[in-house]
Amino acid sequence: MDFIKFLEYVRLYNIDVVVIGAGVFVLTEVLKRTVLKKLSSKLITFVPFLLGVTAYLIYGGFAIGNFAENAALFAQKGFSCGSLATVIYVVCKQFILSGVIPSASQTRTELVKELIAPYAEISDEQAEKIAETAKTDENLAKEMIAELGEGAAVIAETVLKAIRDV
């Protein structure tokens, strides 16, 4: 994934999701290095999603209004903010390590590894197979994640939602 492809990926989202997602990424990184330093990596996995949903609920309530009517939409957009924050983290991590922005396939594989690793051991090959399978058959990919262990089954739905648009 070159820089242009990364920008094309970001363009899939509305500007509000991009701004909040970027803010969630920064806030998550700050919290992980300070307040949440001793928090289990299993729980850290959910932090960007929780922050994204919370931030978008607040934003939506003030900027859009009709909170009761739009709460489900706000939560969905908030989850997208958390997904985007996680993608930004993976792309930044890969860029720092290799100096190259990873391809979409590499990004999907790294997202799978990043989200499942706190819950179960996963090899590069397993992560790649799950990421590729999820493109065509999410149910099979969910089963593959569940086969990694009971802990991984808990996060399967989150993993699939996070990599859906990458």
N, C-alpha and C. Protein backbone atom coordinates (compact mmCIF):
# COMPACT_ATOMS: atom_id res chain seq x y z
N MET A 1 0.86 -1.16 0.00
CA MET A 1 0.00 0.00 0.00
C MET A 1 0.90 1.23 0.00
N ASP A 2 0.90 1.93 -1.10
CA ASP A 2 1.66 3.16 -1.12
C ASP A 2 0.84 4.27 -0.47
N PHE A 3 1.43 5.44 -0.39
CA PHE A 3 0.77 6.54 0.31
C PHE A 3 -0.55 6.91 -0.36
N ILE A 4 -0.60 6.85 -1.67
CA ILE A 4 -1.82 7.18 -2.42
C ILE A 4 -2.93 6.18 -2.08
N LYS A 5 -2.59 4.90 -2.04
CA LYS A 5 -3.59 3.89 -1.70
C LYS A 5 -4.09 4.07 -0.27
N PHE A 6 -3.19 4.46 0.64
CA PHE A 6 -3.60 4.72 2.01
C PHE A 6 -4.58 5.89 2.05
N LEU A 7 -4.30 6.94 1.28
CA LEU A 7 -5.21 8.08 1.22
C LEU A 7 -6.56 7.67 0.61
N GLU A 8 -6.53 6.80 -0.39
CA GLU A 8 -7.78 6.30 -0.98
C GLU A 8 -8.58 5.53 0.06
N TYR A 9 -7.88 4.75 0.90
CA TYR A 9 -8.56 4.03 1.97
C TYR A 9 -9.22 5.01 2.94
N VAL A 10 -8.50 6.03 3.33
CA VAL A 10 -9.02 7.02 4.27
C VAL A 10 -10.22 7.75 3.67
N ARG A 11 -10.22 7.93 2.35
CA ARG A 11 -11.33 8.62 1.68
C ARG A 11 -12.63 7.83 1.75
N LEU A 12 -12.58 6.55 2.10
CA LEU A 12 -13.79 5.76 2.26
C LEU A 12 -14.66 6.29 3.40
N TYR A 13 -14.02 7.00 4.31
CA TYR A 13 -14.71 7.51 5.49
C TYR A 13 -15.07 8.98 5.31
N ASN A 14 -16.13 9.39 6.01
CA ASN A 14 -16.49 10.81 6.04
C ASN A 14 -15.45 11.55 6.86
N ILE A 15 -15.39 12.86 6.67
CA ILE A 15 -14.37 13.66 7.35
C ILE A 15 -14.52 13.57 8.87
N ASP A 16 -15.74 13.47 9.38
CA ASP A 16 -15.92 13.38 10.82
C ASP A 16 -15.31 12.10 11.38
N VAL A 17 -15.46 11.00 10.66
CA VAL A 17 -14.88 9.72 11.10
C VAL A 17 -13.36 9.78 11.02
N VAL A 18 -12.82 10.41 9.99
CA VAL A 18 -11.37 10.52 9.84
C VAL A 18 -10.78 11.36 10.98
N VAL A 19 -11.39 12.50 11.26
CA VAL A 19 -10.87 13.38 12.31
C VAL A 19 -10.98 12.70 13.67
N ILE A 20 -12.14 12.13 13.97
CA ILE A 20 -12.31 11.47 15.26
C ILE A 20 -11.43 10.23 15.34
N GLY A 21 -11.32 9.46 14.25
CA GLY A 21 -10.46 8.27 14.23
C GLY A 21 -9.00 8.62 14.48
N ALA A 22 -8.54 9.70 13.87
CA ALA A 22 -7.15 10.13 14.09
C ALA A 22 -6.97 10.57 15.54
N GLY A 23 -7.95 11.28 16.07
CA GLY A 23 -7.90 11.69 17.48
C GLY A 23 -7.91 10.50 18.41
N VAL A 24 -8.71 9.50 18.08
CA VAL A 24 -8.76 8.27 18.89
C VAL A 24 -7.42 7.56 18.85
N PHE A 25 -6.77 7.53 17.69
CA PHE A 25 -5.44 6.92 17.57
C PHE A 25 -4.47 7.62 18.52
N VAL A 26 -4.42 8.93 18.46
CA VAL A 26 -3.49 9.70 19.31
C VAL A 26 -3.82 9.49 20.78
N LEU A 27 -5.10 9.60 21.13
CA LEU A 27 -5.50 9.43 22.53
C LEU A 27 -5.19 8.03 23.03
N THR A 28 -5.44 7.03 22.21
CA THR A 28 -5.14 5.64 22.59
C THR A 28 -3.66 5.47 22.88
N GLU A 29 -2.82 6.00 22.01
CA GLU A 29 -1.37 5.88 22.20
C GLU A 29 -0.92 6.59 23.48
N VAL A 30 -1.47 7.75 23.74
CA VAL A 30 -1.12 8.47 24.97
C VAL A 30 -1.58 7.68 26.19
N LEU A 31 -2.80 7.18 26.17
CA LEU A 31 -3.32 6.42 27.30
C LEU A 31 -2.54 5.13 27.53
N LYS A 32 -2.14 4.45 26.45
CA LYS A 32 -1.38 3.21 26.58
C LYS A 32 -0.02 3.45 27.24
N ARG A 33 0.54 4.62 27.04
CA ARG A 33 1.85 4.93 27.60
C ARG A 33 1.77 5.54 29.00
N THR A 34 0.57 5.92 29.42
CA THR A 34 0.43 6.57 30.73
C THR A 34 -0.54 5.80 31.62
N VAL A 35 -1.77 6.18 31.61
CA VAL A 35 -2.79 5.65 32.51
C VAL A 35 -3.02 4.16 32.34
N LEU A 36 -3.00 3.67 31.11
CA LEU A 36 -3.31 2.26 30.84
C LEU A 36 -2.07 1.38 30.71
N LYS A 37 -0.94 1.88 31.19
CA LYS A 37 0.33 1.17 31.04
C LYS A 37 0.27 -0.25 31.60
N LYS A 38 -0.44 -0.44 32.70
CA LYS A 38 -0.48 -1.76 33.35
C LYS A 38 -1.71 -2.58 32.96
N LEU A 39 -2.54 -2.05 32.07
CA LEU A 39 -3.73 -2.76 31.64
C LEU A 39 -3.35 -3.93 30.74
N SER A 40 -4.05 -5.02 30.88
CA SER A 40 -3.82 -6.21 30.07
C SER A 40 -3.94 -5.90 28.58
N SER A 41 -3.09 -6.54 27.78
CA SER A 41 -3.14 -6.32 26.33
C SER A 41 -4.48 -6.78 25.75
N LYS A 42 -5.14 -7.72 26.42
CA LYS A 42 -6.46 -8.16 25.98
C LYS A 42 -7.45 -7.01 26.04
N LEU A 43 -7.37 -6.22 27.07
CA LEU A 43 -8.29 -5.10 27.22
C LEU A 43 -7.86 -3.90 26.38
N ILE A 44 -6.57 -3.73 26.20
CA ILE A 44 -6.05 -2.62 25.37
C ILE A 44 -6.60 -2.74 23.95
N THR A 45 -6.81 -3.95 23.48
CA THR A 45 -7.32 -4.18 22.13
C THR A 45 -8.63 -3.43 21.89
N PHE A 46 -9.45 -3.35 22.92
CA PHE A 46 -10.77 -2.73 22.76
C PHE A 46 -10.76 -1.22 22.97
N VAL A 47 -9.68 -0.66 23.48
CA VAL A 47 -9.63 0.76 23.81
C VAL A 47 -9.97 1.66 22.62
N PRO A 48 -9.36 1.47 21.43
CA PRO A 48 -9.71 2.37 20.32
C PRO A 48 -11.19 2.29 19.94
N PHE A 49 -11.77 1.10 20.04
CA PHE A 49 -13.17 0.95 19.67
C PHE A 49 -14.08 1.63 20.70
N LEU A 50 -13.75 1.44 21.99
CA LEU A 50 -14.53 2.10 23.04
C LEU A 50 -14.41 3.62 22.96
N LEU A 51 -13.19 4.10 22.76
CA LEU A 51 -12.99 5.55 22.62
C LEU A 51 -13.69 6.08 21.38
N GLY A 52 -13.63 5.35 20.29
CA GLY A 52 -14.28 5.77 19.06
C GLY A 52 -15.78 5.88 19.21
N VAL A 53 -16.39 4.86 19.81
CA VAL A 53 -17.84 4.88 20.02
C VAL A 53 -18.21 6.02 20.97
N THR A 54 -17.47 6.16 22.06
CA THR A 54 -17.75 7.23 23.02
C THR A 54 -17.62 8.61 22.37
N ALA A 55 -16.54 8.82 21.66
CA ALA A 55 -16.30 10.12 21.02
C ALA A 55 -17.38 10.43 19.99
N TYR A 56 -17.76 9.43 19.20
CA TYR A 56 -18.76 9.70 18.17
C TYR A 56 -20.15 9.89 18.77
N LEU A 57 -20.45 9.20 19.85
CA LEU A 57 -21.72 9.42 20.53
C LEU A 57 -21.81 10.86 21.04
N ILE A 58 -20.71 11.35 21.61
CA ILE A 58 -20.68 12.74 22.09
C ILE A 58 -20.79 13.70 20.91
N TYR A 59 -19.97 13.47 19.89
CA TYR A 59 -20.01 14.33 18.70
C TYR A 59 -21.40 14.32 18.07
N GLY A 60 -21.93 13.14 17.85
CA GLY A 60 -23.25 13.03 17.22
C GLY A 60 -24.35 13.69 18.02
N GLY A 61 -24.29 13.52 19.34
CA GLY A 61 -25.29 14.13 20.21
C GLY A 61 -25.29 15.65 20.10
N PHE A 62 -24.11 16.24 20.02
CA PHE A 62 -24.02 17.70 19.95
C PHE A 62 -24.16 18.23 18.52
N ALA A 63 -23.47 17.62 17.57
CA ALA A 63 -23.42 18.16 16.22
C ALA A 63 -24.63 17.79 15.36
N ILE A 64 -25.15 16.60 15.54
CA ILE A 64 -26.24 16.12 14.70
C ILE A 64 -27.57 16.19 15.42
N GLY A 65 -27.56 15.83 16.69
CA GLY A 65 -28.80 15.87 17.48
C GLY A 65 -29.61 14.60 17.34
N ASN A 66 -30.84 14.65 17.82
CA ASN A 66 -31.74 13.48 17.81
C ASN A 66 -31.03 12.24 18.32
N PHE A 67 -30.41 12.36 19.50
CA PHE A 67 -29.57 11.29 20.03
C PHE A 67 -30.30 9.96 20.11
N ALA A 68 -31.50 9.95 20.68
CA ALA A 68 -32.24 8.70 20.85
C ALA A 68 -32.53 8.05 19.51
N GLU A 69 -32.84 8.86 18.53
CA GLU A 69 -33.17 8.35 17.20
C GLU A 69 -31.95 7.84 16.44
N ASN A 70 -30.79 8.46 16.67
CA ASN A 70 -29.58 8.16 15.91
C ASN A 70 -28.51 7.40 16.69
N ALA A 71 -28.80 6.95 17.89
CA ALA A 71 -27.77 6.33 18.74
C ALA A 71 -27.10 5.14 18.06
N ALA A 72 -27.87 4.29 17.39
CA ALA A 72 -27.28 3.11 16.73
C ALA A 72 -26.34 3.54 15.60
N LEU A 73 -26.74 4.55 14.83
CA LEU A 73 -25.89 5.07 13.76
C LEU A 73 -24.61 5.67 14.34
N PHE A 74 -24.74 6.42 15.44
CA PHE A 74 -23.57 7.02 16.09
C PHE A 74 -22.62 5.93 16.58
N ALA A 75 -23.17 4.86 17.15
CA ALA A 75 -22.32 3.77 17.65
C ALA A 75 -21.60 3.10 16.48
N GLN A 76 -22.30 2.91 15.37
CA GLN A 76 -21.68 2.29 14.20
C GLN A 76 -20.56 3.18 13.65
N LYS A 77 -20.81 4.46 13.55
CA LYS A 77 -19.77 5.39 13.08
C LYS A 77 -18.60 5.41 14.07
N GLY A 78 -18.90 5.33 15.36
CA GLY A 78 -17.86 5.29 16.38
C GLY A 78 -16.99 4.06 16.25
N PHE A 79 -17.61 2.92 15.92
CA PHE A 79 -16.84 1.70 15.70
C PHE A 79 -15.91 1.89 14.49
N SER A 80 -16.41 2.58 13.47
CA SER A 80 -15.57 2.89 12.31
C SER A 80 -14.38 3.76 12.71
N CYS A 81 -14.61 4.69 13.64
CA CYS A 81 -13.50 5.52 14.15
C CYS A 81 -12.45 4.65 14.83
N GLY A 82 -12.89 3.69 15.63
CA GLY A 82 -11.97 2.77 16.30
C GLY A 82 -11.23 1.90 15.31
N SER A 83 -11.93 1.44 14.27
CA SER A 83 -11.28 0.64 13.23
C SER A 83 -10.22 1.46 12.50
N LEU A 84 -10.56 2.68 12.15
CA LEU A 84 -9.61 3.55 11.47
C LEU A 84 -8.40 3.82 12.36
N ALA A 85 -8.63 4.05 13.66
CA ALA A 85 -7.51 4.28 14.58
C ALA A 85 -6.60 3.07 14.63
N THR A 86 -7.18 1.88 14.60
CA THR A 86 -6.38 0.65 14.62
C THR A 86 -5.59 0.50 13.32
N VAL A 87 -6.21 0.82 12.19
CA VAL A 87 -5.51 0.76 10.91
C VAL A 87 -4.35 1.76 10.90
N ILE A 88 -4.59 2.96 11.40
CA ILE A 88 -3.52 3.96 11.45
C ILE A 88 -2.36 3.43 12.30
N TYR A 89 -2.68 2.80 13.43
CA TYR A 89 -1.64 2.23 14.29
C TYR A 89 -0.82 1.19 13.54
N VAL A 90 -1.49 0.27 12.87
CA VAL A 90 -0.80 -0.81 12.16
C VAL A 90 0.06 -0.24 11.02
N VAL A 91 -0.49 0.70 10.27
CA VAL A 91 0.27 1.28 9.16
C VAL A 91 1.49 2.03 9.70
N CYS A 92 1.31 2.81 10.76
CA CYS A 92 2.44 3.54 11.36
C CYS A 92 3.50 2.57 11.88
N LYS A 93 3.06 1.52 12.55
CA LYS A 93 3.99 0.53 13.09
C LYS A 93 4.79 -0.13 11.96
N GLN A 94 4.12 -0.52 10.89
CA GLN A 94 4.80 -1.15 9.77
C GLN A 94 5.72 -0.17 9.06
N PHE A 95 5.28 1.09 8.93
CA PHE A 95 6.09 2.09 8.27
C PHE A 95 7.37 2.36 9.06
N ILE A 96 7.25 2.45 10.39
CA ILE A 96 8.42 2.69 11.24
C ILE A 96 9.39 1.52 11.16
N LEU A 97 8.87 0.29 11.14
CA LEU A 97 9.73 -0.89 11.10
C LEU A 97 10.40 -1.08 9.74
N SER A 98 9.65 -0.86 8.66
CA SER A 98 10.20 -1.17 7.35
C SER A 98 10.49 0.06 6.48
N GLY A 99 9.94 1.19 6.84
CA GLY A 99 10.13 2.39 6.03
C GLY A 99 9.23 2.44 4.81
N VAL A 100 8.32 1.47 4.68
CA VAL A 100 7.40 1.40 3.55
C VAL A 100 5.99 1.22 4.10
N ILE A 101 5.04 1.91 3.51
CA ILE A 101 3.64 1.71 3.89
C ILE A 101 3.23 0.34 3.37
N PRO A 102 2.65 -0.52 4.23
CA PRO A 102 2.32 -1.89 3.82
C PRO A 102 1.19 -1.92 2.79
N SER A 103 1.13 -3.02 2.03
CA SER A 103 0.04 -3.21 1.07
C SER A 103 -1.25 -3.44 1.84
N ALA A 104 -2.37 -3.37 1.14
CA ALA A 104 -3.67 -3.60 1.77
C ALA A 104 -3.71 -5.01 2.38
N SER A 105 -3.16 -5.97 1.66
CA SER A 105 -3.13 -7.35 2.15
C SER A 105 -2.29 -7.46 3.42
N GLN A 106 -1.13 -6.80 3.42
CA GLN A 106 -0.27 -6.81 4.61
C GLN A 106 -0.96 -6.10 5.78
N THR A 107 -1.66 -5.01 5.48
CA THR A 107 -2.36 -4.28 6.53
C THR A 107 -3.44 -5.15 7.15
N ARG A 108 -4.21 -5.85 6.31
CA ARG A 108 -5.26 -6.74 6.82
C ARG A 108 -4.64 -7.84 7.69
N THR A 109 -3.54 -8.43 7.21
CA THR A 109 -2.88 -9.50 7.97
C THR A 109 -2.37 -8.97 9.31
N GLU A 110 -1.74 -7.80 9.30
CA GLU A 110 -1.23 -7.22 10.55
C GLU A 110 -2.37 -6.84 11.51
N LEU A 111 -3.49 -6.38 10.96
CA LEU A 111 -4.64 -6.09 11.82
C LEU A 111 -5.14 -7.35 12.51
N VAL A 112 -5.23 -8.43 11.74
CA VAL A 112 -5.67 -9.71 12.31
C VAL A 112 -4.72 -10.12 13.44
N LYS A 113 -3.42 -10.06 13.17
CA LYS A 113 -2.43 -10.44 14.19
C LYS A 113 -2.53 -9.54 15.41
N GLU A 114 -2.61 -8.24 15.18
CA GLU A 114 -2.64 -7.26 16.28
C GLU A 114 -3.85 -7.46 17.18
N LEU A 115 -4.99 -7.75 16.60
CA LEU A 115 -6.21 -7.88 17.39
C LEU A 115 -6.34 -9.25 18.07
N ILE A 116 -5.82 -10.29 17.44
CA ILE A 116 -5.96 -11.64 18.01
C ILE A 116 -4.83 -12.00 18.97
N ALA A 117 -3.64 -11.46 18.76
CA ALA A 117 -2.46 -11.84 19.55
C ALA A 117 -2.67 -11.81 21.07
N PRO A 118 -3.39 -10.84 21.63
CA PRO A 118 -3.58 -10.88 23.09
C PRO A 118 -4.45 -12.05 23.56
N TYR A 119 -5.19 -12.66 22.65
CA TYR A 119 -6.15 -13.70 23.02
C TYR A 119 -5.69 -15.11 22.67
N ALA A 120 -4.85 -15.24 21.67
CA ALA A 120 -4.40 -16.57 21.24
C ALA A 120 -3.12 -16.43 20.44
N GLU A 121 -2.35 -17.49 20.43
CA GLU A 121 -1.15 -17.50 19.59
C GLU A 121 -1.59 -17.61 18.13
N ILE A 122 -0.98 -16.79 17.30
CA ILE A 122 -1.33 -16.81 15.89
C ILE A 122 -0.06 -16.58 15.07
N SER A 123 0.15 -17.43 14.09
CA SER A 123 1.32 -17.30 13.23
C SER A 123 1.02 -16.33 12.10
N ASP A 124 2.06 -15.91 11.42
CA ASP A 124 1.89 -15.03 10.26
C ASP A 124 1.02 -15.70 9.20
N GLU A 125 1.25 -16.99 9.00
CA GLU A 125 0.50 -17.73 7.98
C GLU A 125 -0.97 -17.82 8.34
N GLN A 126 -1.27 -18.08 9.63
CA GLN A 126 -2.67 -18.15 10.05
C GLN A 126 -3.35 -16.79 9.88
N ALA A 127 -2.67 -15.73 10.26
CA ALA A 127 -3.24 -14.39 10.13
C ALA A 127 -3.51 -14.06 8.67
N GLU A 128 -2.56 -14.41 7.81
CA GLU A 128 -2.73 -14.14 6.38
C GLU A 128 -3.91 -14.93 5.81
N LYS A 129 -4.02 -16.18 6.21
CA LYS A 129 -5.11 -17.03 5.71
C LYS A 129 -6.46 -16.50 6.18
N ILE A 130 -6.54 -16.07 7.43
CA ILE A 130 -7.79 -15.50 7.96
C ILE A 130 -8.13 -14.22 7.21
N ALA A 131 -7.14 -13.36 7.01
CA ALA A 131 -7.37 -12.09 6.31
C ALA A 131 -7.85 -12.32 4.89
N GLU A 132 -7.25 -13.26 4.19
CA GLU A 132 -7.66 -13.55 2.82
C GLU A 132 -9.03 -14.20 2.77
N THR A 133 -9.30 -15.12 3.68
CA THR A 133 -10.59 -15.80 3.72
C THR A 133 -11.72 -14.82 4.03
N ALA A 134 -11.45 -13.85 4.89
CA ALA A 134 -12.47 -12.88 5.28
C ALA A 134 -12.98 -12.05 4.11
N LYS A 135 -12.17 -11.90 3.08
CA LYS A 135 -12.59 -11.14 1.90
C LYS A 135 -13.79 -11.80 1.23
N THR A 136 -13.81 -13.13 1.23
CA THR A 136 -14.84 -13.85 0.49
C THR A 136 -15.85 -14.58 1.37
N ASP A 137 -15.44 -14.99 2.57
CA ASP A 137 -16.34 -15.76 3.43
C ASP A 137 -16.08 -15.43 4.90
N GLU A 138 -16.80 -14.46 5.40
CA GLU A 138 -16.59 -14.02 6.78
C GLU A 138 -16.96 -15.10 7.79
N ASN A 139 -17.95 -15.93 7.48
CA ASN A 139 -18.32 -16.99 8.41
C ASN A 139 -17.20 -18.01 8.58
N LEU A 140 -16.56 -18.37 7.47
CA LEU A 140 -15.43 -19.30 7.54
C LEU A 140 -14.27 -18.65 8.29
N ALA A 141 -14.03 -17.37 8.03
CA ALA A 141 -12.96 -16.66 8.73
C ALA A 141 -13.25 -16.63 10.23
N LYS A 142 -14.50 -16.43 10.60
CA LYS A 142 -14.89 -16.42 12.01
C LYS A 142 -14.63 -17.78 12.65
N GLU A 143 -14.92 -18.85 11.92
CA GLU A 143 -14.65 -20.21 12.41
C GLU A 143 -13.15 -20.42 12.57
N MET A 144 -12.37 -19.91 11.63
CA MET A 144 -10.92 -20.06 11.70
C MET A 144 -10.38 -19.34 12.94
N ILE A 145 -10.93 -18.18 13.24
CA ILE A 145 -10.51 -17.44 14.43
C ILE A 145 -10.90 -18.22 15.68
N ALA A 146 -12.11 -18.75 15.70
CA ALA A 146 -12.59 -19.51 16.86
C ALA A 146 -11.73 -20.75 17.11
N GLU A 147 -11.19 -21.34 16.04
CA GLU A 147 -10.33 -22.52 16.18
C GLU A 147 -9.01 -22.21 16.89
N LEU A 148 -8.65 -20.93 16.92
CA LEU A 148 -7.41 -20.53 17.60
C LEU A 148 -7.54 -20.62 19.12
N GLY A 149 -8.76 -20.65 19.60
CA GLY A 149 -8.98 -20.77 21.04
C GLY A 149 -10.19 -20.00 21.48
N GLU A 150 -10.63 -20.31 22.67
CA GLU A 150 -11.83 -19.69 23.22
C GLU A 150 -11.68 -18.18 23.33
N GLY A 151 -10.50 -17.73 23.71
CA GLY A 151 -10.26 -16.30 23.84
C GLY A 151 -10.37 -15.58 22.51
N ALA A 152 -9.86 -16.21 21.46
CA ALA A 152 -9.91 -15.59 20.13
C ALA A 152 -11.34 -15.48 19.62
N ALA A 153 -12.18 -16.44 19.98
CA ALA A 153 -13.57 -16.41 19.54
C ALA A 153 -14.28 -15.16 20.03
N VAL A 154 -13.87 -14.66 21.19
CA VAL A 154 -14.47 -13.46 21.78
C VAL A 154 -14.27 -12.25 20.87
N ILE A 155 -13.15 -12.18 20.22
CA ILE A 155 -12.80 -10.99 19.43
C ILE A 155 -13.07 -11.18 17.94
N ALA A 156 -13.54 -12.32 17.53
CA ALA A 156 -13.72 -12.63 16.10
C ALA A 156 -14.55 -11.57 15.37
N GLU A 157 -15.68 -11.21 15.92
CA GLU A 157 -16.55 -10.24 15.26
C GLU A 157 -15.87 -8.88 15.12
N THR A 158 -15.15 -8.47 16.15
CA THR A 158 -14.43 -7.20 16.11
C THR A 158 -13.36 -7.23 15.02
N VAL A 159 -12.64 -8.33 14.92
CA VAL A 159 -11.59 -8.47 13.90
C VAL A 159 -12.19 -8.34 12.51
N LEU A 160 -13.27 -9.05 12.28
CA LEU A 160 -13.88 -9.04 10.95
C LEU A 160 -14.42 -7.66 10.59
N LYS A 161 -15.01 -6.97 11.54
CA LYS A 161 -15.49 -5.61 11.27
C LYS A 161 -14.33 -4.66 11.00
N ALA A 162 -13.24 -4.83 11.72
CA ALA A 162 -12.09 -3.93 11.58
C ALA A 162 -11.42 -4.08 10.21
N ILE A 163 -11.38 -5.30 9.67
CA ILE A 163 -10.67 -5.51 8.40
C ILE A 163 -11.60 -5.45 7.19
N ARG A 164 -12.87 -5.29 7.41
CA ARG A 164 -13.86 -5.35 6.32
C ARG A 164 -13.54 -4.39 5.18
N ASP A 165 -13.19 -3.17 5.47
CA ASP A 165 -13.00 -2.16 4.43
C ASP A 165 -11.55 -1.96 3.98
N VAL A 166 -10.63 -2.68 4.61
CA VAL A 166 -9.22 -2.49 4.27
C VAL A 166 -8.92 -3.16 2.95
